[in-house]
Protein backbone atom coordinates (compact mmCIF):
# COMPACT_ATOMS: atom_id res chain seq x y z
CA UNK A 1 -19.05 -12.36 13.00
CA UNK A 2 -16.21 -10.39 11.52
CA UNK A 3 -14.46 -11.60 8.37
CA UNK A 4 -11.52 -13.86 8.95
CA UNK A 5 -8.34 -12.03 10.02
CA UNK A 6 -10.23 -8.77 10.55
CA UNK A 7 -10.65 -7.07 13.89
CA UNK A 8 -12.11 -3.87 15.30
CA UNK A 9 -10.18 -2.95 18.44
CA UNK A 10 -10.94 -0.65 21.37
CA UNK A 11 -7.59 -0.71 23.14
CA UNK A 12 -4.06 -2.13 23.38
CA UNK A 13 -1.33 -1.43 20.85
CA UNK A 14 1.61 -2.89 19.03
CA UNK A 15 4.56 -1.67 17.04
CA UNK A 16 6.20 -3.63 14.30
CA UNK A 17 9.68 -4.89 15.01
CA UNK A 18 10.31 -5.06 11.29
CA UNK A 19 12.63 -2.30 10.12
CA UNK A 20 14.22 -2.06 6.71
CA UNK A 21 17.66 -0.58 6.29
CA UNK A 22 17.34 2.92 4.87
CA UNK A 23 18.90 3.33 1.45
CA UNK A 24 18.58 7.06 0.85
CA UNK A 25 20.65 10.08 1.68
CA UNK A 26 18.88 13.27 2.66
CA UNK A 27 19.58 16.91 1.97
CA UNK A 28 17.91 19.74 3.86
CA UNK A 29 15.84 20.14 7.00
CA UNK A 30 13.63 17.28 8.23
CA UNK A 31 10.13 17.41 6.83
CA UNK A 32 6.73 16.09 7.96
CA UNK A 33 5.90 12.67 9.36
CA UNK A 34 3.17 10.79 7.47
CA UNK A 35 0.39 9.43 9.68
CA UNK A 36 -1.97 7.05 7.87
CA UNK A 37 -5.22 6.00 9.51
CA UNK A 38 -7.17 2.96 8.34
CA UNK A 39 -10.73 3.18 9.63
CA UNK A 40 -14.35 2.57 8.75
CA UNK A 41 -17.70 4.03 9.61
CA UNK A 42 -18.79 0.42 10.05
CA UNK A 43 -16.32 -0.10 12.91
CA UNK A 44 -17.67 0.67 16.37
CA UNK A 45 -14.45 2.33 17.56
CA UNK A 46 -13.06 4.04 14.48
CA UNK A 47 -14.91 7.25 15.28
CA UNK A 48 -12.65 7.65 18.33
CA UNK A 49 -9.58 7.40 16.13
CA UNK A 50 -11.06 9.90 13.68
CA UNK A 51 -11.37 12.38 16.55
CA UNK A 52 -7.70 11.83 17.45
CA UNK A 53 -6.70 12.43 13.82
CA UNK A 54 -8.69 15.67 13.72
CA UNK A 55 -7.04 16.78 16.96
CA UNK A 56 -3.62 16.06 15.48
CA UNK A 57 -4.57 18.26 12.55
CA UNK A 58 -5.71 21.08 14.83
CA UNK A 59 -2.46 20.94 16.78
CA UNK A 60 -4.12 19.99 20.08
CA UNK A 61 -1.10 17.92 21.15
CA UNK A 62 1.41 20.76 20.68
CA UNK A 63 3.76 18.63 18.61
CA UNK A 64 6.86 20.27 17.20
CA UNK A 65 6.85 17.77 14.34
CA UNK A 66 4.88 18.73 11.21
CA UNK A 67 2.48 16.05 10.02
CA UNK A 68 0.90 14.80 6.83
CA UNK A 69 -2.39 13.17 7.83
CA UNK A 70 -4.28 10.71 5.64
CA UNK A 71 -7.39 8.67 6.46
CA UNK A 72 -8.20 5.62 4.34
CA UNK A 73 -11.68 4.16 4.80
CA UNK A 74 -11.55 0.41 4.18
CA UNK A 75 -14.53 -1.53 2.89
CA UNK A 76 -14.35 -4.82 4.79
CA UNK A 77 -16.87 -3.67 7.41
CA UNK A 78 -19.48 -2.72 4.83
CA UNK A 79 -21.21 -6.07 5.28
CA UNK A 80 -22.11 -5.16 8.88
CA UNK A 81 -25.24 -3.06 8.24
CA UNK A 82 -23.67 0.21 7.05
CA UNK A 83 -21.80 0.90 3.82
CA UNK A 84 -19.12 3.51 4.45
CA UNK A 85 -19.66 6.24 1.81
CA UNK A 86 -15.88 6.82 1.69
CA UNK A 87 -14.89 3.15 1.78
CA UNK A 88 -12.89 1.59 -1.04
CA UNK A 89 -11.32 -1.74 -1.87
CA UNK A 90 -8.25 0.25 -2.93
CA UNK A 91 -7.68 1.33 0.68
CA UNK A 92 -8.22 -2.23 1.94
CA UNK A 93 -5.53 -3.39 -0.48
CA UNK A 94 -3.19 -0.65 0.79
CA UNK A 95 -3.71 -1.74 4.39
CA UNK A 96 -3.12 -5.37 3.41
CA UNK A 97 0.21 -4.33 1.87
CA UNK A 98 1.21 -2.80 5.21
CA UNK A 99 0.12 -5.93 7.07
CA UNK A 100 2.48 -7.94 4.89
CA UNK A 101 5.34 -5.40 4.93
CA UNK A 102 5.19 -5.00 8.72
CA UNK A 103 4.78 -8.76 9.33
CA UNK A 104 1.47 -8.37 11.16
CA UNK A 105 -0.93 -11.22 11.84
CA UNK A 106 -4.16 -9.47 10.97
CA UNK A 107 -5.93 -6.49 9.48
CA UNK A 108 -7.83 -4.33 11.95
CA UNK A 109 -9.44 -0.96 12.48
CA UNK A 110 -8.74 1.60 13.67
CA UNK A 111 -5.12 1.23 12.60
CA UNK A 112 -2.34 3.83 12.41
CA UNK A 113 0.83 3.47 10.32
CA UNK A 114 3.63 6.01 10.81
CA UNK A 115 6.06 6.71 7.93
CA UNK A 116 5.27 3.21 6.65
CA UNK A 117 7.44 1.76 9.41
CA UNK A 118 5.69 1.69 12.79
CA UNK A 119 2.07 0.90 13.62
CA UNK A 120 -0.31 0.99 16.55
CA UNK A 121 -3.98 1.09 17.48
CA UNK A 122 -5.40 4.40 16.39
CA UNK A 123 -7.58 5.21 19.40
CA UNK A 124 -4.69 5.47 21.86
CA UNK A 125 -3.20 8.99 21.59
CA UNK A 126 -0.19 8.27 23.79
CA UNK A 127 0.92 5.40 21.57
CA UNK A 128 0.42 7.48 18.45
CA UNK A 129 2.42 10.39 19.87
CA UNK A 130 5.20 8.01 20.88
CA UNK A 131 5.38 6.56 17.37
CA UNK A 132 5.45 10.05 15.86
CA UNK A 133 8.22 11.18 18.22
CA UNK A 134 10.42 8.21 17.32
CA UNK A 135 9.73 8.22 13.58
CA UNK A 136 12.62 8.94 11.20
CA UNK A 137 12.26 12.19 9.29
CA UNK A 138 13.37 13.13 5.80
CA UNK A 139 13.51 16.36 3.80
CA UNK A 140 10.19 17.42 2.34
CA UNK A 141 9.97 17.31 -1.46
CA UNK A 142 9.90 20.78 -3.02
CA UNK A 143 7.13 20.58 -5.59
CA UNK A 144 5.15 23.47 -7.02
CA UNK A 145 1.65 22.67 -8.24
CA UNK A 146 -0.63 24.21 -10.84
CA UNK A 147 -4.28 23.26 -11.17
CA UNK A 148 -6.78 23.18 -14.00
CA UNK A 149 -10.30 21.80 -14.41
CA UNK A 150 -10.56 20.43 -17.96
CA UNK A 151 -14.14 19.44 -17.18
CA UNK A 152 -16.52 20.01 -14.30
CA UNK A 153 -15.82 16.50 -13.03
CA UNK A 154 -12.03 16.40 -13.30
CA UNK A 155 -9.03 18.10 -11.73
CA UNK A 156 -5.67 18.27 -13.49
CA UNK A 157 -2.62 18.68 -11.25
CA UNK A 158 0.80 19.47 -12.70
CA UNK A 159 3.80 19.13 -10.38
CA UNK A 160 7.39 20.29 -10.84
CA UNK A 161 10.18 20.06 -8.28
CA UNK A 162 12.68 17.72 -6.66
CA UNK A 163 12.52 14.92 -4.09
CA UNK A 164 15.34 16.40 -1.97
CA UNK A 165 16.17 12.78 -1.14
CA UNK A 166 18.55 10.61 -3.14
CA UNK A 167 17.00 7.44 -4.54
CA UNK A 168 19.21 4.43 -5.26
CA UNK A 169 18.79 1.47 -7.63
CA UNK A 170 15.98 -0.01 -5.51
CA UNK A 171 13.78 2.83 -6.69
CA UNK A 172 10.80 4.67 -5.27
CA UNK A 173 7.32 5.80 -6.26
CA UNK A 174 6.17 9.39 -6.05
CA UNK A 175 2.58 9.23 -4.78
CA UNK A 176 -0.05 11.98 -4.72
CA UNK A 177 -3.13 11.80 -2.49
CA UNK A 178 -6.15 14.08 -2.81
CA UNK A 179 -7.92 14.32 0.55
CA UNK A 180 -10.98 16.08 1.96
CA UNK A 181 -11.76 17.52 5.42
CA UNK A 182 -14.93 18.62 7.16
CA UNK A 183 -17.09 15.63 6.24
CA UNK A 184 -20.15 14.85 8.39
CA UNK A 185 -22.30 11.73 8.07
CA UNK A 186 -25.53 10.88 9.86
CA UNK A 187 -25.08 7.14 10.34
CA UNK A 188 -28.48 5.46 10.33
CA UNK A 189 -27.46 1.82 10.72
CA UNK A 190 -24.65 -0.55 11.63
CA UNK A 191 -22.27 -0.39 14.59
CA UNK A 192 -22.56 3.42 14.81
CA UNK A 193 -26.31 3.67 14.34
CA UNK A 194 -27.72 7.11 15.26
CA UNK A 195 -24.26 8.60 15.64
CA UNK A 196 -23.16 11.68 13.70
CA UNK A 197 -19.69 10.90 12.35
CA UNK A 198 -17.10 13.58 11.58
CA UNK A 199 -14.22 12.74 9.26
CA UNK A 200 -11.17 14.77 8.24
CA UNK A 201 -8.25 14.06 5.88
CA UNK A 202 -10.29 11.44 4.05
CA UNK A 203 -8.31 10.19 1.05
CA UNK A 204 -10.51 10.45 -2.02
CA UNK A 205 -7.93 9.66 -4.68
CA UNK A 206 -4.39 8.24 -4.63
CA UNK A 207 -2.27 8.11 -7.78
CA UNK A 208 1.36 7.47 -8.71
CA UNK A 209 2.95 10.44 -10.43
CA UNK A 210 6.04 8.48 -11.48
CA UNK A 211 8.61 5.87 -10.50
CA UNK A 212 12.25 6.87 -10.09
CA UNK A 213 15.59 5.19 -9.43
CA UNK A 214 19.23 6.20 -9.28
CA UNK A 215 18.53 9.94 -9.13
CA UNK A 216 20.05 12.70 -7.05
CA UNK A 217 18.21 14.67 -4.41
CA UNK A 218 18.17 17.79 -6.61
CA UNK A 219 17.06 16.12 -9.84
CA UNK A 220 14.12 18.00 -11.36
CA UNK A 221 10.95 15.95 -11.76
CA UNK A 222 7.69 16.95 -13.39
CA UNK A 223 4.44 15.24 -14.20
CA UNK A 224 0.68 15.66 -14.52
CA UNK A 225 -2.19 13.76 -12.96
CA UNK A 226 -5.91 13.84 -13.71
CA UNK A 227 -8.23 13.17 -10.78
CA UNK A 228 -11.86 12.26 -11.30
CA UNK A 229 -13.88 14.37 -8.89
CA UNK A 230 -16.84 13.35 -6.75
CA UNK A 231 -20.23 14.93 -6.26
CA UNK A 232 -19.99 17.90 -3.92
CA UNK A 233 -16.26 18.52 -4.50
CA UNK A 234 -15.18 21.69 -2.72
CA UNK A 235 -11.57 22.73 -3.26
CA UNK A 236 -11.59 24.79 -0.05
CA UNK A 237 -12.01 21.57 1.95
CA UNK A 238 -9.34 19.61 0.08
CA UNK A 239 -5.57 19.29 -0.06
CA UNK A 240 -2.81 17.29 -1.69
CA UNK A 241 -0.20 15.12 -0.02
CA UNK A 242 2.91 14.24 -2.00
CA UNK A 243 5.12 11.47 -0.63
CA UNK A 244 8.07 9.31 -1.69
CA UNK A 245 7.39 5.61 -1.10
CA UNK A 246 9.81 2.69 -1.37
CA UNK A 247 8.77 -0.67 -2.93
CA UNK A 248 8.21 -1.94 0.65
CA UNK A 249 5.94 1.07 1.38
CA UNK A 250 8.35 2.94 3.66
CA UNK A 251 8.07 6.70 3.26
CA UNK A 252 11.15 8.84 2.61
CA UNK A 253 9.75 12.37 2.46
CA UNK A 254 6.40 14.11 2.21
CA UNK A 255 4.85 17.48 1.44
CA UNK A 256 1.43 19.13 1.79
CA UNK A 257 0.02 21.38 -0.93
CA UNK A 258 -3.09 23.55 -0.61
CA UNK A 259 -5.65 23.57 -3.38
CA UNK A 260 -6.69 26.89 -4.87
CA UNK A 261 -10.05 27.84 -3.41
CA UNK A 262 -11.44 29.10 -6.74
CA UNK A 263 -11.26 25.75 -8.52
């Protein structure tokens, strides 16, 4: 039996009717749309959604909209015979915050959230594409990044740039996600027993660079983060996503940054 208020769905979809009034003013061309997937290797249908996410990243759907793709592996299916090696309570908490912000009745996998505003089942490409097409877009932040490795097990990221979106008195958080692609797992137990699972855009670390309020779109911002690295870290398979997030988790701009391959 699944935990209370948790579900693992194969089909059907929904989109939140909750919509918060936007409180920012944008400058510049529209930037990427953030697509966040909540999945688990312990869910029998999440592997289908992972394939859709990878196809989005490859450009298989010929979208004209640039995307920032992030996959969060929740840990509430770990009880079911297989512990997801990428699962984290931190990602379960993030999904729960969306459930509350979007006035949903339950947590489930696979689950897609678009720009922090709309949501649907993640194994239905048509619904995902529809949500992407109708999502509001905002200018991409214009950050430059420099990287250092103070130790073998840590990565220091220094960012300097501007949000290119005005933030009012309600404030916003500037978030930085470190993600990894090209992961392959031979699943030996659980709902996906004997299946080889491929995962891309897996969020390994998520940190807040800073909180801001009452600043202009062109205001210069800088900061440094230190990420603890995992065994087998390969910079060539990783990237950074920078995004501006309101207190209610709506996203008002995002940017992708490549890691230097020689790290």
